Amino acid sequence: MTRRPAAGLCDRCHHQRLVPNTRGSVFSLCERSRSDPAYPRYPRLPVRSCRGFEVRDDEAPR
């Protein structure tokens, strides 16, 4: 299994989707980019601040 670099906020964001390629790399896709062109499809990592960040359901405190 290949370790991928930390993606910063994206690793905890509801809008992140991990996209593997055929050579074993994994890319962090921002799903917000589909509806808002202000967000890059594949942001430069690590992301340290993002106005669209929303914590993933599995990361939310209970």
PDB file of N, CA and C in Angstrom:
ATOM      1  N   MET A   1       0.837  -1.183   0.000  1.00  0.00           N
ATOM      2  CA  MET A   1       0.000   0.000   0.000  1.00  0.00           C
ATOM      3  C   MET A   1       0.879   1.242   0.000  1.00  0.00           C
ATOM      4  N   THR A   2       0.567   2.191  -0.853  1.00  0.00           N
ATOM      5  CA  THR A   2       1.340   3.418  -0.967  1.00  0.00           C
ATOM      6  C   THR A   2       0.759   4.483  -0.063  1.00  0.00           C
ATOM      7  N   ARG A   3       1.612   5.133   0.711  1.00  0.00           N
ATOM      8  CA  ARG A   3       1.160   6.251   1.537  1.00  0.00           C
ATOM      9  C   ARG A   3       1.085   7.493   0.682  1.00  0.00           C
ATOM     10  N   ARG A   4       0.056   8.276   0.885  1.00  0.00           N
ATOM     11  CA  ARG A   4      -0.059   9.531   0.156  1.00  0.00           C
ATOM     12  C   ARG A   4       0.245  10.664   1.113  1.00  0.00           C
ATOM     13  N   PRO A   5       0.735  11.783   0.603  1.00  0.00           N
ATOM     14  CA  PRO A   5       1.033  12.917   1.469  1.00  0.00           C
ATOM     15  C   PRO A   5      -0.243  13.485   2.096  1.00  0.00           C
ATOM     16  N   ALA A   6      -0.106  14.089   3.249  1.00  0.00           N
ATOM     17  CA  ALA A   6      -1.249  14.706   3.918  1.00  0.00           C
ATOM     18  C   ALA A   6      -1.795  15.833   3.057  1.00  0.00           C
ATOM     19  N   ALA A   7      -3.128  15.917   2.985  1.00  0.00           N
ATOM     20  CA  ALA A   7      -3.782  16.931   2.155  1.00  0.00           C
ATOM     21  C   ALA A   7      -4.289  18.099   2.981  1.00  0.00           C
ATOM     22  N   GLY A   8      -3.903  18.184   4.248  1.00  0.00           N
ATOM     23  CA  GLY A   8      -4.343  19.281   5.095  1.00  0.00           C
ATOM     24  C   GLY A   8      -5.829  19.189   5.394  1.00  0.00           C
ATOM     25  N   LEU A   9      -6.532  20.324   5.280  1.00  0.00           N
ATOM     26  CA  LEU A   9      -7.971  20.355   5.565  1.00  0.00           C
ATOM     27  C   LEU A   9      -8.752  19.375   4.705  1.00  0.00           C
ATOM     28  N   CYS A  10      -8.320  19.162   3.488  1.00  0.00           N
ATOM     29  CA  CYS A  10      -9.054  18.275   2.575  1.00  0.00           C
ATOM     30  C   CYS A  10      -9.248  16.878   3.164  1.00  0.00           C
ATOM     31  N   ASP A  11      -8.290  16.409   3.953  1.00  0.00           N
ATOM     32  CA  ASP A  11      -8.392  15.073   4.538  1.00  0.00           C
ATOM     33  C   ASP A  11      -9.577  14.937   5.478  1.00  0.00           C
ATOM     34  N   ARG A  12     -10.097  16.059   5.972  1.00  0.00           N
ATOM     35  CA  ARG A  12     -11.230  16.027   6.893  1.00  0.00           C
ATOM     36  C   ARG A  12     -12.485  16.647   6.295  1.00  0.00           C
ATOM     37  N   CYS A  13     -12.430  17.013   5.004  1.00  0.00           N
ATOM     38  CA  CYS A  13     -13.524  17.755   4.375  1.00  0.00           C
ATOM     39  C   CYS A  13     -14.562  16.844   3.711  1.00  0.00           C
ATOM     40  N   HIS A  14     -15.796  17.238   3.862  1.00  0.00           N
ATOM     41  CA  HIS A  14     -16.933  16.536   3.252  1.00  0.00           C
ATOM     42  C   HIS A  14     -16.839  16.515   1.722  1.00  0.00           C
ATOM     43  N   HIS A  15     -16.185  17.499   1.137  1.00  0.00           N
ATOM     44  CA  HIS A  15     -16.152  17.655  -0.314  1.00  0.00           C
ATOM     45  C   HIS A  15     -14.970  16.961  -0.998  1.00  0.00           C
ATOM     46  N   GLN A  16     -14.117  16.311  -0.231  1.00  0.00           N
ATOM     47  CA  GLN A  16     -12.969  15.625  -0.821  1.00  0.00           C
ATOM     48  C   GLN A  16     -13.381  14.258  -1.362  1.00  0.00           C
ATOM     49  N   ARG A  17     -12.844  13.932  -2.541  1.00  0.00           N
ATOM     50  CA  ARG A  17     -12.981  12.578  -3.081  1.00  0.00           C
ATOM     51  C   ARG A  17     -11.591  12.160  -3.528  1.00  0.00           C
ATOM     52  N   LEU A  18     -11.146  10.995  -3.092  1.00  0.00           N
ATOM     53  CA  LEU A  18      -9.832  10.487  -3.478  1.00  0.00           C
ATOM     54  C   LEU A  18      -9.955   9.759  -4.809  1.00  0.00           C
ATOM     55  N   VAL A  19      -9.082  10.131  -5.743  1.00  0.00           N
ATOM     56  CA  VAL A  19      -9.129   9.581  -7.098  1.00  0.00           C
ATOM     57  C   VAL A  19      -7.797   8.884  -7.391  1.00  0.00           C
ATOM     58  N   PRO A  20      -7.817   7.542  -7.453  1.00  0.00           N
ATOM     59  CA  PRO A  20      -6.578   6.818  -7.783  1.00  0.00           C
ATOM     60  C   PRO A  20      -6.368   6.766  -9.295  1.00  0.00           C
ATOM     61  N   ASN A  21      -5.098   6.687  -9.706  1.00  0.00           N
ATOM     62  CA  ASN A  21      -4.830   6.469 -11.127  1.00  0.00           C
ATOM     63  C   ASN A  21      -4.246   5.070 -11.309  1.00  0.00           C
ATOM     64  N   THR A  22      -3.997   4.694 -12.533  1.00  0.00           N
ATOM     65  CA  THR A  22      -3.534   3.334 -12.829  1.00  0.00           C
ATOM     66  C   THR A  22      -2.089   3.077 -12.401  1.00  0.00           C
ATOM     67  N   ARG A  23      -1.361   4.148 -12.077  1.00  0.00           N
ATOM     68  CA  ARG A  23       0.036   3.981 -11.662  1.00  0.00           C
ATOM     69  C   ARG A  23       0.223   3.978 -10.152  1.00  0.00           C
ATOM     70  N   GLY A  24      -0.890   3.993  -9.414  1.00  0.00           N
ATOM     71  CA  GLY A  24      -0.799   3.908  -7.958  1.00  0.00           C
ATOM     72  C   GLY A  24      -0.851   5.227  -7.215  1.00  0.00           C
ATOM     73  N   SER A  25      -0.880   6.348  -7.916  1.00  0.00           N
ATOM     74  CA  SER A  25      -0.996   7.646  -7.250  1.00  0.00           C
ATOM     75  C   SER A  25      -2.447   7.898  -6.868  1.00  0.00           C
ATOM     76  N   VAL A  26      -2.637   8.714  -5.842  1.00  0.00           N
ATOM     77  CA  VAL A  26      -3.984   9.089  -5.397  1.00  0.00           C
ATOM     78  C   VAL A  26      -4.049  10.610  -5.345  1.00  0.00           C
ATOM     79  N   PHE A  27      -5.092  11.170  -5.952  1.00  0.00           N
ATOM     80  CA  PHE A  27      -5.266  12.606  -6.025  1.00  0.00           C
ATOM     81  C   PHE A  27      -6.480  13.025  -5.210  1.00  0.00           C
ATOM     82  N   SER A  28      -6.414  14.227  -4.637  1.00  0.00           N
ATOM     83  CA  SER A  28      -7.493  14.771  -3.828  1.00  0.00           C
ATOM     84  C   SER A  28      -8.335  15.701  -4.701  1.00  0.00           C
ATOM     85  N   LEU A  29      -9.544  15.267  -5.035  1.00  0.00           N
ATOM     86  CA  LEU A  29     -10.468  16.034  -5.867  1.00  0.00           C
ATOM     87  C   LEU A  29     -11.432  16.804  -4.975  1.00  0.00           C
ATOM     88  N   CYS A  30     -11.609  18.097  -5.259  1.00  0.00           N
ATOM     89  CA  CYS A  30     -12.577  18.917  -4.536  1.00  0.00           C
ATOM     90  C   CYS A  30     -13.905  18.888  -5.294  1.00  0.00           C
ATOM     91  N   GLU A  31     -14.911  18.254  -4.701  1.00  0.00           N
ATOM     92  CA  GLU A  31     -16.227  18.140  -5.337  1.00  0.00           C
ATOM     93  C   GLU A  31     -16.922  19.501  -5.468  1.00  0.00           C
ATOM     94  N   ARG A  32     -16.525  20.490  -4.662  1.00  0.00           N
ATOM     95  CA  ARG A  32     -17.109  21.832  -4.781  1.00  0.00           C
ATOM     96  C   ARG A  32     -16.789  22.443  -6.141  1.00  0.00           C
ATOM     97  N   SER A  33     -15.719  22.015  -6.755  1.00  0.00           N
ATOM     98  CA  SER A  33     -15.317  22.571  -8.055  1.00  0.00           C
ATOM     99  C   SER A  33     -16.341  22.265  -9.145  1.00  0.00           C
ATOM    100  N   ARG A  34     -17.187  21.279  -8.936  1.00  0.00           N
ATOM    101  CA  ARG A  34     -18.213  20.937  -9.932  1.00  0.00           C
ATOM    102  C   ARG A  34     -19.281  22.015 -10.051  1.00  0.00           C
ATOM    103  N   SER A  35     -19.596  22.685  -8.938  1.00  0.00           N
ATOM    104  CA  SER A  35     -20.660  23.690  -8.962  1.00  0.00           C
ATOM    105  C   SER A  35     -20.158  25.114  -8.780  1.00  0.00           C
ATOM    106  N   ASP A  36     -18.913  25.278  -8.333  1.00  0.00           N
ATOM    107  CA  ASP A  36     -18.364  26.617  -8.098  1.00  0.00           C
ATOM    108  C   ASP A  36     -16.956  26.697  -8.677  1.00  0.00           C
ATOM    109  N   PRO A  37     -16.778  27.463  -9.758  1.00  0.00           N
ATOM    110  CA  PRO A  37     -15.460  27.545 -10.397  1.00  0.00           C
ATOM    111  C   PRO A  37     -14.393  28.236  -9.545  1.00  0.00           C
ATOM    112  N   ALA A  38     -14.776  28.815  -8.417  1.00  0.00           N
ATOM    113  CA  ALA A  38     -13.804  29.444  -7.526  1.00  0.00           C
ATOM    114  C   ALA A  38     -12.923  28.400  -6.825  1.00  0.00           C
ATOM    115  N   TYR A  39     -13.381  27.153  -6.815  1.00  0.00           N
ATOM    116  CA  TYR A  39     -12.614  26.090  -6.170  1.00  0.00           C
ATOM    117  C   TYR A  39     -11.852  25.294  -7.224  1.00  0.00           C
ATOM    118  N   PRO A  40     -10.561  25.077  -6.986  1.00  0.00           N
ATOM    119  CA  PRO A  40      -9.792  24.272  -7.949  1.00  0.00           C
ATOM    120  C   PRO A  40     -10.203  22.803  -7.875  1.00  0.00           C
ATOM    121  N   ARG A  41     -10.242  22.153  -9.014  1.00  0.00           N
ATOM    122  CA  ARG A  41     -10.602  20.733  -9.055  1.00  0.00           C
ATOM    123  C   ARG A  41      -9.635  19.910  -8.213  1.00  0.00           C
ATOM    124  N   TYR A  42      -8.350  20.129  -8.415  1.00  0.00           N
ATOM    125  CA  TYR A  42      -7.309  19.447  -7.655  1.00  0.00           C
ATOM    126  C   TYR A  42      -6.470  20.523  -6.972  1.00  0.00           C
ATOM    127  N   PRO A  43      -6.800  20.872  -5.717  1.00  0.00           N
ATOM    128  CA  PRO A  43      -6.090  21.966  -5.040  1.00  0.00           C
ATOM    129  C   PRO A  43      -4.638  21.609  -4.733  1.00  0.00           C
ATOM    130  N   ARG A  44      -3.829  22.638  -4.659  1.00  0.00           N
ATOM    131  CA  ARG A  44      -2.427  22.470  -4.271  1.00  0.00           C
ATOM    132  C   ARG A  44      -2.391  22.071  -2.797  1.00  0.00           C
ATOM    133  N   LEU A  45      -1.681  21.012  -2.502  1.00  0.00           N
ATOM    134  CA  LEU A  45      -1.655  20.466  -1.144  1.00  0.00           C
ATOM    135  C   LEU A  45      -0.364  20.812  -0.422  1.00  0.00           C
ATOM    136  N   PRO A  46      -0.407  20.902   0.883  1.00  0.00           N
ATOM    137  CA  PRO A  46      -1.559  20.738   1.763  1.00  0.00           C
ATOM    138  C   PRO A  46      -2.398  22.016   1.824  1.00  0.00           C
ATOM    139  N   VAL A  47      -3.695  21.856   1.913  1.00  0.00           N
ATOM    140  CA  VAL A  47      -4.607  22.988   2.031  1.00  0.00           C
ATOM    141  C   VAL A  47      -4.660  23.384   3.502  1.00  0.00           C
ATOM    142  N   ARG A  48      -4.313  24.629   3.786  1.00  0.00           N
ATOM    143  CA  ARG A  48      -4.273  25.119   5.173  1.00  0.00           C
ATOM    144  C   ARG A  48      -5.490  25.968   5.528  1.00  0.00           C
ATOM    145  N   SER A  49      -6.138  26.555   4.518  1.00  0.00           N
ATOM    146  CA  SER A  49      -7.368  27.309   4.767  1.00  0.00           C
ATOM    147  C   SER A  49      -8.251  27.203   3.525  1.00  0.00           C
ATOM    148  N   CYS A  50      -9.567  27.161   3.767  1.00  0.00           N
ATOM    149  CA  CYS A  50     -10.526  27.048   2.671  1.00  0.00           C
ATOM    150  C   CYS A  50     -11.878  27.528   3.177  1.00  0.00           C
ATOM    151  N   ARG A  51     -12.453  28.497   2.491  1.00  0.00           N
ATOM    152  CA  ARG A  51     -13.749  29.035   2.938  1.00  0.00           C
ATOM    153  C   ARG A  51     -14.877  28.034   2.731  1.00  0.00           C
ATOM    154  N   GLY A  52     -14.661  27.016   1.923  1.00  0.00           N
ATOM    155  CA  GLY A  52     -15.687  26.011   1.669  1.00  0.00           C
ATOM    156  C   GLY A  52     -15.556  24.749   2.508  1.00  0.00           C
ATOM    157  N   PHE A  53     -14.595  24.737   3.424  1.00  0.00           N
ATOM    158  CA  PHE A  53     -14.368  23.541   4.246  1.00  0.00           C
ATOM    159  C   PHE A  53     -15.600  23.201   5.077  1.00  0.00           C
ATOM    160  N   GLU A  54     -16.001  21.935   5.030  1.00  0.00           N
ATOM    161  CA  GLU A  54     -17.065  21.398   5.890  1.00  0.00           C
ATOM    162  C   GLU A  54     -16.578  20.059   6.408  1.00  0.00           C
ATOM    163  N   VAL A  55     -16.564  19.921   7.717  1.00  0.00           N
ATOM    164  CA  VAL A  55     -16.056  18.689   8.307  1.00  0.00           C
ATOM    165  C   VAL A  55     -16.920  17.503   7.864  1.00  0.00           C
ATOM    166  N   ARG A  56     -16.258  16.400   7.512  1.00  0.00           N
ATOM    167  CA  ARG A  56     -16.960  15.174   7.112  1.00  0.00           C
ATOM    168  C   ARG A  56     -17.794  14.636   8.266  1.00  0.00           C
ATOM    169  N   ASP A  57     -18.889  13.968   7.956  1.00  0.00           N
ATOM    170  CA  ASP A  57     -19.776  13.407   8.969  1.00  0.00           C
ATOM    171  C   ASP A  57     -19.028  12.470   9.920  1.00  0.00           C
ATOM    172  N   ASP A  58     -18.109  11.673   9.394  1.00  0.00           N
ATOM    173  CA  ASP A  58     -17.388  10.722  10.240  1.00  0.00           C
ATOM    174  C   ASP A  58     -16.322  11.394  11.097  1.00  0.00           C
ATOM    175  N   GLU A  59     -16.069  12.688  10.887  1.00  0.00           N
ATOM    176  CA  GLU A  59     -15.105  13.456  11.673  1.00  0.00           C
ATOM    177  C   GLU A  59     -15.781  14.375  12.673  1.00  0.00           C
ATOM    178  N   ALA A  60     -17.091  14.568  12.555  1.00  0.00           N
ATOM    179  CA  ALA A  60     -17.805  15.524  13.402  1.00  0.00           C
ATOM    180  C   ALA A  60     -17.834  15.036  14.854  1.00  0.00           C
ATOM    181  N   PRO A  61     -17.637  15.962  15.805  1.00  0.00           N
ATOM    182  CA  PRO A  61     -17.716  15.567  17.216  1.00  0.00           C
ATOM    183  C   PRO A  61     -19.137  15.153  17.584  1.00  0.00           C
ATOM    184  N   ARG A  62     -19.243  14.240  18.516  1.00  0.00           N
ATOM    185  CA  ARG A  62     -20.569  13.737  18.919  1.00  0.00           C
ATOM    186  C   ARG A  62     -20.921  14.169  20.302  1.00  0.00           C
TER     187      ARG A  62
END
